[in-house]
C-alpha cells in the first residue's frame, strides 16, 4: 500500500475526521506508523506516534507530554476500511481501549461506550463481537509477551 489519505471514524461522538496533519513514517500491508499532534486541547499530552496493526485490528499509540516524556501507551481496538480507488484508509474506532501507564499499571476503558453504542444500534452484533474478541487477543498478547513487539515499530521509527 502506498501512503494513503488517513481518516478516523468514531461512533461516540459520531464523527469522521481527515487526519491531514498526521505524518506517515512507515507504510506497508501489515503496519502503518504515524507521527501526530493532538487534534484539540488535551491537557496531559500534546503529541505522539501510532502504529496501526492493519491485520490484527488494533492501534498502539505512544502519548507524549510536551517535554517529550511518556504519558502512556494507548491501545485502541479498531477495524480498517481501505478504499483502493482513492487510496484512503479509515480507522474505525471500536470503542474498547487499553491504557498502560509508565509505572506498568494497565487499565481497560470505555466498555460502557461499547455497550452504549450497541444499545443505540450505532454498531451491530458483529462489530460488538469483533471489538471484544480483538480486545481479548490484545490483552493476551500483553499478558504473555509484554509490550516490546507491539511498540517496536514506533520505537524504530522514532530512532531514525
N, C-alpha and C. Protein backbone atom coordinates (compact mmCIF):
# COMPACT_ATOMS: atom_id res chain seq x y z
N UNK A 1 0.85 -1.18 0.00
CA UNK A 1 0.00 0.00 0.00
C UNK A 1 0.89 1.24 0.00
N UNK A 2 0.64 2.15 -0.93
CA UNK A 2 1.36 3.42 -0.89
C UNK A 2 0.70 4.31 0.16
N UNK A 3 1.38 5.36 0.57
CA UNK A 3 0.88 6.21 1.65
C UNK A 3 -0.53 6.71 1.36
N UNK A 4 -1.51 6.28 2.18
CA UNK A 4 -2.91 6.67 1.92
C UNK A 4 -3.29 7.98 2.59
N UNK A 5 -4.43 8.51 2.20
CA UNK A 5 -5.09 9.60 2.92
C UNK A 5 -5.71 8.95 4.15
N UNK A 6 -5.50 9.53 5.31
CA UNK A 6 -5.95 8.93 6.56
C UNK A 6 -7.20 9.61 7.12
N UNK A 7 -8.11 8.77 7.62
CA UNK A 7 -9.32 9.24 8.28
C UNK A 7 -9.50 8.48 9.58
N UNK A 8 -10.21 9.09 10.52
CA UNK A 8 -10.61 8.44 11.77
C UNK A 8 -12.11 8.54 11.90
N UNK A 9 -12.77 7.40 12.10
CA UNK A 9 -14.22 7.38 12.31
C UNK A 9 -14.47 6.93 13.74
N UNK A 10 -15.34 7.68 14.40
CA UNK A 10 -15.77 7.31 15.75
C UNK A 10 -17.30 7.21 15.77
N UNK A 11 -17.81 6.36 16.66
CA UNK A 11 -19.25 6.22 16.84
C UNK A 11 -19.75 7.14 17.94
N UNK A 12 -18.94 7.32 18.99
CA UNK A 12 -19.30 8.20 20.11
C UNK A 12 -18.11 9.12 20.37
N UNK A 13 -18.16 10.39 20.02
CA UNK A 13 -19.23 11.02 19.25
C UNK A 13 -19.17 10.57 17.79
N UNK A 14 -20.25 10.75 17.08
CA UNK A 14 -20.32 10.37 15.68
C UNK A 14 -19.52 11.37 14.86
N UNK A 15 -18.37 10.92 14.34
CA UNK A 15 -17.54 11.84 13.58
C UNK A 15 -16.64 11.08 12.60
N UNK A 16 -16.30 11.74 11.54
CA UNK A 16 -15.34 11.26 10.56
C UNK A 16 -14.41 12.43 10.29
N UNK A 17 -13.13 12.25 10.62
CA UNK A 17 -12.17 13.34 10.51
C UNK A 17 -11.01 12.92 9.62
N UNK A 18 -10.63 13.78 8.68
CA UNK A 18 -9.41 13.54 7.92
C UNK A 18 -8.23 13.92 8.80
N UNK A 19 -7.26 13.05 8.87
CA UNK A 19 -6.07 13.29 9.69
C UNK A 19 -4.97 13.87 8.79
N UNK A 20 -5.25 15.04 8.24
CA UNK A 20 -4.39 15.62 7.22
C UNK A 20 -3.03 16.07 7.75
N UNK A 21 -2.90 16.24 9.06
CA UNK A 21 -1.63 16.67 9.61
C UNK A 21 -0.78 15.51 10.12
N UNK A 22 -1.31 14.29 10.09
CA UNK A 22 -0.52 13.13 10.51
C UNK A 22 0.58 12.88 9.48
N UNK A 23 1.77 12.61 9.98
CA UNK A 23 2.91 12.31 9.11
C UNK A 23 3.09 10.80 9.08
N UNK A 24 3.05 10.21 7.90
CA UNK A 24 3.25 8.77 7.76
C UNK A 24 4.74 8.49 7.71
N UNK A 25 5.21 7.70 8.68
CA UNK A 25 6.63 7.37 8.79
C UNK A 25 6.97 6.03 8.15
N UNK A 26 6.02 5.11 8.17
CA UNK A 26 6.22 3.78 7.57
C UNK A 26 4.86 3.26 7.13
N UNK A 27 4.85 2.61 5.98
CA UNK A 27 3.58 2.11 5.46
C UNK A 27 3.82 0.87 4.62
N UNK A 28 3.17 -0.23 5.01
CA UNK A 28 3.19 -1.45 4.20
C UNK A 28 1.87 -2.17 4.42
N UNK A 29 1.76 -3.40 3.96
CA UNK A 29 0.49 -4.12 4.06
C UNK A 29 0.16 -4.58 5.48
N UNK A 30 1.15 -4.53 6.40
CA UNK A 30 0.93 -5.00 7.77
C UNK A 30 0.78 -3.88 8.78
N UNK A 31 1.59 -2.82 8.62
CA UNK A 31 1.56 -1.74 9.60
C UNK A 31 1.61 -0.38 8.93
N UNK A 32 1.14 0.60 9.67
CA UNK A 32 1.22 2.00 9.27
C UNK A 32 1.64 2.75 10.52
N UNK A 33 2.77 3.45 10.47
CA UNK A 33 3.27 4.20 11.62
C UNK A 33 3.16 5.68 11.30
N UNK A 34 2.58 6.42 12.25
CA UNK A 34 2.39 7.86 12.05
C UNK A 34 2.93 8.65 13.24
N UNK A 35 3.25 9.90 12.96
CA UNK A 35 3.56 10.89 13.99
C UNK A 35 2.46 11.93 13.90
N UNK A 36 1.97 12.41 15.05
CA UNK A 36 0.83 13.32 15.05
C UNK A 36 0.89 14.27 16.24
N UNK A 37 0.11 15.33 16.12
CA UNK A 37 -0.15 16.24 17.24
C UNK A 37 -1.62 16.11 17.59
N UNK A 38 -1.97 16.42 18.82
CA UNK A 38 -3.36 16.29 19.25
C UNK A 38 -4.25 17.19 18.40
N UNK A 39 -5.50 16.75 18.21
CA UNK A 39 -6.45 17.49 17.39
C UNK A 39 -7.12 18.63 18.17
N UNK A 40 -7.18 18.51 19.45
CA UNK A 40 -7.83 19.53 20.26
C UNK A 40 -6.98 19.81 21.49
N UNK A 41 -7.54 20.56 22.40
CA UNK A 41 -6.82 20.88 23.62
C UNK A 41 -6.88 19.67 24.56
N UNK A 42 -5.74 19.06 24.73
CA UNK A 42 -5.60 17.93 25.64
C UNK A 42 -4.57 18.36 26.68
N UNK A 43 -4.89 18.19 27.93
CA UNK A 43 -4.06 18.75 28.98
C UNK A 43 -2.83 17.92 29.34
N UNK A 44 -2.91 16.60 29.22
CA UNK A 44 -1.84 15.77 29.73
C UNK A 44 -0.79 15.36 28.69
N UNK A 45 -1.11 15.42 27.42
CA UNK A 45 -0.16 15.09 26.37
C UNK A 45 -0.42 15.98 25.16
N UNK A 46 0.59 16.11 24.29
CA UNK A 46 0.43 17.04 23.18
C UNK A 46 0.74 16.44 21.81
N UNK A 47 1.46 15.31 21.79
CA UNK A 47 1.76 14.68 20.51
C UNK A 47 2.09 13.22 20.74
N UNK A 48 2.33 12.51 19.65
CA UNK A 48 2.67 11.12 19.81
C UNK A 48 2.90 10.41 18.49
N UNK A 49 2.98 9.11 18.61
CA UNK A 49 3.20 8.21 17.48
C UNK A 49 2.19 7.08 17.58
N UNK A 50 1.77 6.57 16.44
CA UNK A 50 0.84 5.44 16.44
C UNK A 50 1.31 4.39 15.45
N UNK A 51 1.09 3.13 15.82
CA UNK A 51 1.30 2.02 14.91
C UNK A 51 -0.03 1.33 14.71
N UNK A 52 -0.51 1.36 13.48
CA UNK A 52 -1.74 0.69 13.10
C UNK A 52 -1.37 -0.72 12.67
N UNK A 53 -1.81 -1.70 13.41
CA UNK A 53 -1.60 -3.10 13.04
C UNK A 53 -2.79 -3.49 12.17
N UNK A 54 -2.61 -3.41 10.87
CA UNK A 54 -3.71 -3.48 9.91
C UNK A 54 -4.39 -4.84 9.87
N UNK A 55 -3.68 -5.90 10.18
CA UNK A 55 -4.27 -7.24 10.14
C UNK A 55 -4.79 -7.69 11.50
N UNK A 56 -4.28 -7.10 12.58
CA UNK A 56 -4.67 -7.52 13.93
C UNK A 56 -5.88 -6.78 14.47
N UNK A 57 -6.14 -5.55 13.99
CA UNK A 57 -7.31 -4.81 14.46
C UNK A 57 -7.06 -3.98 15.70
N UNK A 58 -5.84 -3.50 15.85
CA UNK A 58 -5.60 -2.55 16.93
C UNK A 58 -4.55 -1.53 16.50
N UNK A 59 -4.57 -0.43 17.25
CA UNK A 59 -3.64 0.68 17.03
C UNK A 59 -2.97 0.96 18.37
N UNK A 60 -1.66 0.94 18.38
CA UNK A 60 -0.89 1.22 19.59
C UNK A 60 -0.30 2.62 19.44
N UNK A 61 -0.54 3.47 20.44
CA UNK A 61 -0.05 4.84 20.38
C UNK A 61 0.80 5.17 21.58
N UNK A 62 1.84 5.94 21.32
CA UNK A 62 2.70 6.45 22.37
C UNK A 62 2.33 7.92 22.58
N UNK A 63 1.68 8.22 23.71
CA UNK A 63 1.28 9.58 24.03
C UNK A 63 2.41 10.25 24.80
N UNK A 64 2.85 11.40 24.31
CA UNK A 64 3.97 12.10 24.92
C UNK A 64 3.57 13.47 25.43
N UNK A 65 4.15 13.82 26.56
CA UNK A 65 3.95 15.17 27.11
C UNK A 65 4.77 16.16 26.29
N UNK A 66 4.50 17.44 26.47
CA UNK A 66 5.20 18.46 25.69
C UNK A 66 6.71 18.43 25.91
N UNK A 67 7.16 17.90 27.07
CA UNK A 67 8.60 17.81 27.33
C UNK A 67 9.23 16.54 26.76
N UNK A 68 8.44 15.74 26.06
CA UNK A 68 8.95 14.52 25.44
C UNK A 68 8.87 13.28 26.30
N UNK A 69 8.42 13.42 27.52
CA UNK A 69 8.31 12.26 28.41
C UNK A 69 7.02 11.49 28.13
N UNK A 70 7.06 10.22 28.45
CA UNK A 70 5.92 9.35 28.19
C UNK A 70 4.76 9.66 29.13
N UNK A 71 3.58 9.87 28.54
CA UNK A 71 2.36 9.98 29.33
C UNK A 71 1.75 8.59 29.50
N UNK A 72 1.58 7.87 28.39
CA UNK A 72 1.08 6.49 28.45
C UNK A 72 1.18 5.86 27.08
N UNK A 73 0.98 4.54 27.06
CA UNK A 73 0.72 3.80 25.83
C UNK A 73 -0.78 3.62 25.76
N UNK A 74 -1.37 3.92 24.62
CA UNK A 74 -2.82 3.85 24.46
C UNK A 74 -3.10 2.87 23.32
N UNK A 75 -3.89 1.87 23.61
CA UNK A 75 -4.18 0.81 22.65
C UNK A 75 -5.66 0.86 22.27
N UNK A 76 -5.93 1.22 21.03
CA UNK A 76 -7.30 1.30 20.52
C UNK A 76 -7.67 0.00 19.83
N UNK A 77 -8.87 -0.47 20.08
CA UNK A 77 -9.42 -1.58 19.32
C UNK A 77 -10.12 -0.96 18.12
N UNK A 78 -9.74 -1.39 16.93
CA UNK A 78 -10.21 -0.74 15.71
C UNK A 78 -10.48 -1.77 14.61
N UNK A 79 -11.07 -1.28 13.56
CA UNK A 79 -11.11 -2.01 12.29
C UNK A 79 -10.76 -0.99 11.22
N UNK A 80 -10.45 -1.47 10.04
CA UNK A 80 -9.99 -0.57 8.99
C UNK A 80 -10.83 -0.73 7.74
N UNK A 81 -10.98 0.38 7.02
CA UNK A 81 -11.65 0.36 5.72
C UNK A 81 -10.70 1.04 4.74
N UNK A 82 -10.14 0.23 3.83
CA UNK A 82 -9.24 0.77 2.81
C UNK A 82 -9.99 0.91 1.50
N UNK A 83 -9.95 2.11 0.93
CA UNK A 83 -10.57 2.38 -0.36
C UNK A 83 -9.45 2.52 -1.39
N UNK A 84 -9.25 1.47 -2.14
CA UNK A 84 -8.16 1.44 -3.12
C UNK A 84 -8.33 2.50 -4.21
N UNK A 85 -9.57 2.75 -4.61
CA UNK A 85 -9.83 3.69 -5.71
C UNK A 85 -9.29 5.09 -5.41
N UNK A 86 -9.41 5.53 -4.16
CA UNK A 86 -8.92 6.87 -3.80
C UNK A 86 -7.72 6.81 -2.85
N UNK A 87 -7.23 5.59 -2.58
CA UNK A 87 -6.11 5.36 -1.67
C UNK A 87 -6.34 6.05 -0.32
N UNK A 88 -7.45 5.70 0.31
CA UNK A 88 -7.73 6.23 1.65
C UNK A 88 -7.88 5.08 2.64
N UNK A 89 -7.45 5.32 3.85
CA UNK A 89 -7.56 4.35 4.93
C UNK A 89 -8.32 5.00 6.08
N UNK A 90 -9.47 4.41 6.42
CA UNK A 90 -10.26 4.90 7.54
C UNK A 90 -10.08 3.94 8.70
N UNK A 91 -9.62 4.48 9.82
CA UNK A 91 -9.52 3.71 11.05
C UNK A 91 -10.84 3.90 11.80
N UNK A 92 -11.54 2.80 12.04
CA UNK A 92 -12.84 2.85 12.70
C UNK A 92 -12.68 2.41 14.14
N UNK A 93 -12.91 3.32 15.06
CA UNK A 93 -12.73 3.07 16.49
C UNK A 93 -13.85 2.17 17.00
N UNK A 94 -13.46 1.00 17.52
CA UNK A 94 -14.44 0.06 18.07
C UNK A 94 -14.59 0.21 19.59
N UNK A 95 -14.20 1.37 20.10
CA UNK A 95 -14.55 1.87 21.43
C UNK A 95 -13.75 1.30 22.60
N UNK A 96 -13.49 0.02 22.65
CA UNK A 96 -12.73 -0.54 23.78
C UNK A 96 -11.27 -0.12 23.65
N UNK A 97 -10.66 0.26 24.78
CA UNK A 97 -9.27 0.72 24.78
C UNK A 97 -8.53 0.14 25.97
N UNK A 98 -7.21 0.08 25.84
CA UNK A 98 -6.33 -0.33 26.92
C UNK A 98 -5.29 0.77 27.10
N UNK A 99 -5.11 1.22 28.34
CA UNK A 99 -4.11 2.23 28.65
C UNK A 99 -3.05 1.57 29.53
N UNK A 100 -1.77 1.82 29.19
CA UNK A 100 -0.67 1.31 30.00
C UNK A 100 0.18 2.51 30.40
N UNK A 101 0.26 2.75 31.69
CA UNK A 101 0.99 3.89 32.23
C UNK A 101 2.46 3.56 32.41
N UNK A 102 3.32 4.58 32.53
CA UNK A 102 4.76 4.33 32.68
C UNK A 102 5.12 3.42 33.86
N UNK A 103 4.30 3.41 34.91
CA UNK A 103 4.58 2.55 36.06
C UNK A 103 4.13 1.09 35.83
N UNK A 104 3.58 0.82 34.63
CA UNK A 104 3.14 -0.54 34.30
C UNK A 104 1.68 -0.82 34.57
N UNK A 105 0.99 0.09 35.24
CA UNK A 105 -0.43 -0.09 35.52
C UNK A 105 -1.20 -0.19 34.20
N UNK A 106 -2.07 -1.18 34.10
CA UNK A 106 -2.88 -1.41 32.90
C UNK A 106 -4.34 -1.17 33.24
N UNK A 107 -5.03 -0.48 32.35
CA UNK A 107 -6.43 -0.15 32.58
C UNK A 107 -7.22 -0.37 31.29
N UNK A 108 -8.30 -1.14 31.35
CA UNK A 108 -9.21 -1.32 30.23
C UNK A 108 -10.32 -0.29 30.40
N UNK A 109 -10.60 0.48 29.33
CA UNK A 109 -11.57 1.57 29.44
C UNK A 109 -12.57 1.54 28.29
N UNK A 110 -13.64 2.26 28.50
CA UNK A 110 -14.68 2.56 27.50
C UNK A 110 -15.55 1.37 27.12
N UNK A 111 -15.60 0.34 27.97
CA UNK A 111 -16.53 -0.76 27.70
C UNK A 111 -17.97 -0.28 27.86
N UNK A 112 -18.17 0.75 28.68
CA UNK A 112 -19.50 1.34 28.80
C UNK A 112 -19.93 1.99 27.48
N UNK A 113 -18.99 2.64 26.78
CA UNK A 113 -19.30 3.23 25.48
C UNK A 113 -19.60 2.15 24.45
N UNK A 114 -18.90 1.04 24.53
CA UNK A 114 -19.16 -0.08 23.62
C UNK A 114 -20.59 -0.59 23.81
N UNK A 115 -21.00 -0.73 25.07
CA UNK A 115 -22.37 -1.15 25.37
C UNK A 115 -23.38 -0.11 24.89
N UNK A 116 -23.10 1.15 25.14
CA UNK A 116 -24.00 2.23 24.71
C UNK A 116 -24.16 2.23 23.19
N UNK A 117 -23.05 2.07 22.47
CA UNK A 117 -23.11 2.06 21.01
C UNK A 117 -23.96 0.89 20.50
N UNK A 118 -23.85 -0.25 21.17
CA UNK A 118 -24.66 -1.41 20.77
C UNK A 118 -26.13 -1.17 21.10
N UNK A 119 -26.40 -0.66 22.30
CA UNK A 119 -27.78 -0.39 22.71
C UNK A 119 -28.47 0.62 21.80
N UNK A 120 -27.71 1.61 21.34
CA UNK A 120 -28.27 2.65 20.47
C UNK A 120 -28.23 2.26 18.99
N UNK A 121 -27.78 1.02 18.74
CA UNK A 121 -27.71 0.48 17.38
C UNK A 121 -26.75 1.28 16.49
N UNK A 122 -25.71 1.85 17.11
CA UNK A 122 -24.66 2.51 16.34
C UNK A 122 -23.70 1.49 15.77
N UNK A 123 -23.60 0.35 16.45
CA UNK A 123 -22.83 -0.79 15.95
C UNK A 123 -23.72 -2.02 16.02
N UNK A 124 -23.43 -2.99 15.18
CA UNK A 124 -24.22 -4.22 15.20
C UNK A 124 -23.50 -5.30 16.01
N UNK A 125 -24.13 -6.46 16.11
CA UNK A 125 -23.58 -7.55 16.91
C UNK A 125 -22.21 -8.00 16.40
N UNK A 126 -22.01 -7.99 15.09
CA UNK A 126 -20.72 -8.43 14.56
C UNK A 126 -19.59 -7.49 14.97
N UNK A 127 -19.83 -6.17 14.99
CA UNK A 127 -18.79 -5.23 15.45
C UNK A 127 -18.58 -5.33 16.96
N UNK A 128 -19.65 -5.57 17.71
CA UNK A 128 -19.51 -5.77 19.15
C UNK A 128 -18.61 -6.98 19.43
N UNK A 129 -18.89 -8.09 18.76
CA UNK A 129 -18.08 -9.30 18.95
C UNK A 129 -16.64 -9.08 18.49
N UNK A 130 -16.48 -8.40 17.36
CA UNK A 130 -15.14 -8.12 16.84
C UNK A 130 -14.34 -7.31 17.85
N UNK A 131 -14.96 -6.30 18.44
CA UNK A 131 -14.29 -5.47 19.43
C UNK A 131 -13.86 -6.30 20.64
N UNK A 132 -14.77 -7.10 21.17
CA UNK A 132 -14.46 -7.89 22.36
C UNK A 132 -13.41 -8.97 22.09
N UNK A 133 -13.50 -9.63 20.95
CA UNK A 133 -12.52 -10.68 20.62
C UNK A 133 -11.14 -10.09 20.36
N UNK A 134 -11.10 -8.93 19.71
CA UNK A 134 -9.82 -8.27 19.48
C UNK A 134 -9.23 -7.77 20.79
N UNK A 135 -10.05 -7.22 21.66
CA UNK A 135 -9.59 -6.81 22.98
C UNK A 135 -9.00 -8.00 23.72
N UNK A 136 -9.65 -9.13 23.67
CA UNK A 136 -9.15 -10.34 24.32
C UNK A 136 -7.78 -10.75 23.75
N UNK A 137 -7.64 -10.73 22.42
CA UNK A 137 -6.36 -11.09 21.79
C UNK A 137 -5.26 -10.11 22.20
N UNK A 138 -5.58 -8.82 22.23
CA UNK A 138 -4.58 -7.82 22.61
C UNK A 138 -4.16 -8.02 24.06
N UNK A 139 -5.11 -8.20 24.96
CA UNK A 139 -4.76 -8.41 26.37
C UNK A 139 -3.93 -9.67 26.55
N UNK A 140 -4.28 -10.74 25.86
CA UNK A 140 -3.47 -11.96 25.95
C UNK A 140 -2.05 -11.73 25.46
N UNK A 141 -1.90 -10.97 24.37
CA UNK A 141 -0.56 -10.64 23.86
C UNK A 141 0.23 -9.86 24.91
N UNK A 142 -0.40 -8.87 25.52
CA UNK A 142 0.29 -8.05 26.52
C UNK A 142 0.66 -8.90 27.74
N UNK A 143 -0.28 -9.71 28.24
CA UNK A 143 -0.02 -10.54 29.42
C UNK A 143 1.08 -11.57 29.16
N UNK A 144 1.08 -12.16 27.96
CA UNK A 144 2.03 -13.24 27.66
C UNK A 144 3.39 -12.73 27.21
N UNK A 145 3.42 -11.62 26.46
CA UNK A 145 4.67 -11.19 25.84
C UNK A 145 5.08 -9.76 26.17
N UNK A 146 4.27 -9.05 26.94
CA UNK A 146 4.58 -7.65 27.23
C UNK A 146 4.33 -6.76 26.03
N UNK A 147 4.88 -5.58 26.07
CA UNK A 147 4.63 -4.58 25.03
C UNK A 147 5.73 -4.48 23.98
N UNK A 148 6.83 -5.18 24.17
CA UNK A 148 8.00 -5.00 23.30
C UNK A 148 7.67 -5.13 21.82
N UNK A 149 7.03 -6.21 21.41
CA UNK A 149 6.72 -6.40 19.99
C UNK A 149 5.71 -5.37 19.49
N UNK A 150 4.81 -4.96 20.35
CA UNK A 150 3.78 -4.00 19.94
C UNK A 150 4.33 -2.59 19.75
N UNK A 151 5.33 -2.23 20.52
CA UNK A 151 5.87 -0.86 20.44
C UNK A 151 7.10 -0.75 19.55
N UNK A 152 7.68 -1.88 19.15
CA UNK A 152 8.92 -1.82 18.38
C UNK A 152 8.81 -1.05 17.07
N UNK A 153 7.70 -1.14 16.31
CA UNK A 153 7.64 -0.32 15.08
C UNK A 153 7.68 1.18 15.37
N UNK A 154 7.08 1.59 16.47
CA UNK A 154 7.12 3.01 16.85
C UNK A 154 8.52 3.40 17.26
N UNK A 155 9.12 2.63 18.14
CA UNK A 155 10.47 2.96 18.64
C UNK A 155 11.49 2.98 17.51
N UNK A 156 11.35 2.05 16.56
CA UNK A 156 12.25 2.01 15.41
C UNK A 156 12.13 3.29 14.60
N UNK A 157 10.92 3.79 14.41
CA UNK A 157 10.72 5.00 13.62
C UNK A 157 11.13 6.26 14.36
N UNK A 158 11.01 6.27 15.68
CA UNK A 158 11.44 7.43 16.46
C UNK A 158 12.96 7.58 16.39
N UNK A 159 13.67 6.45 16.40
CA UNK A 159 15.13 6.50 16.45
C UNK A 159 15.77 6.80 15.10
N UNK A 160 14.97 6.92 14.04
CA UNK A 160 15.53 7.24 12.71
C UNK A 160 16.00 8.66 12.61
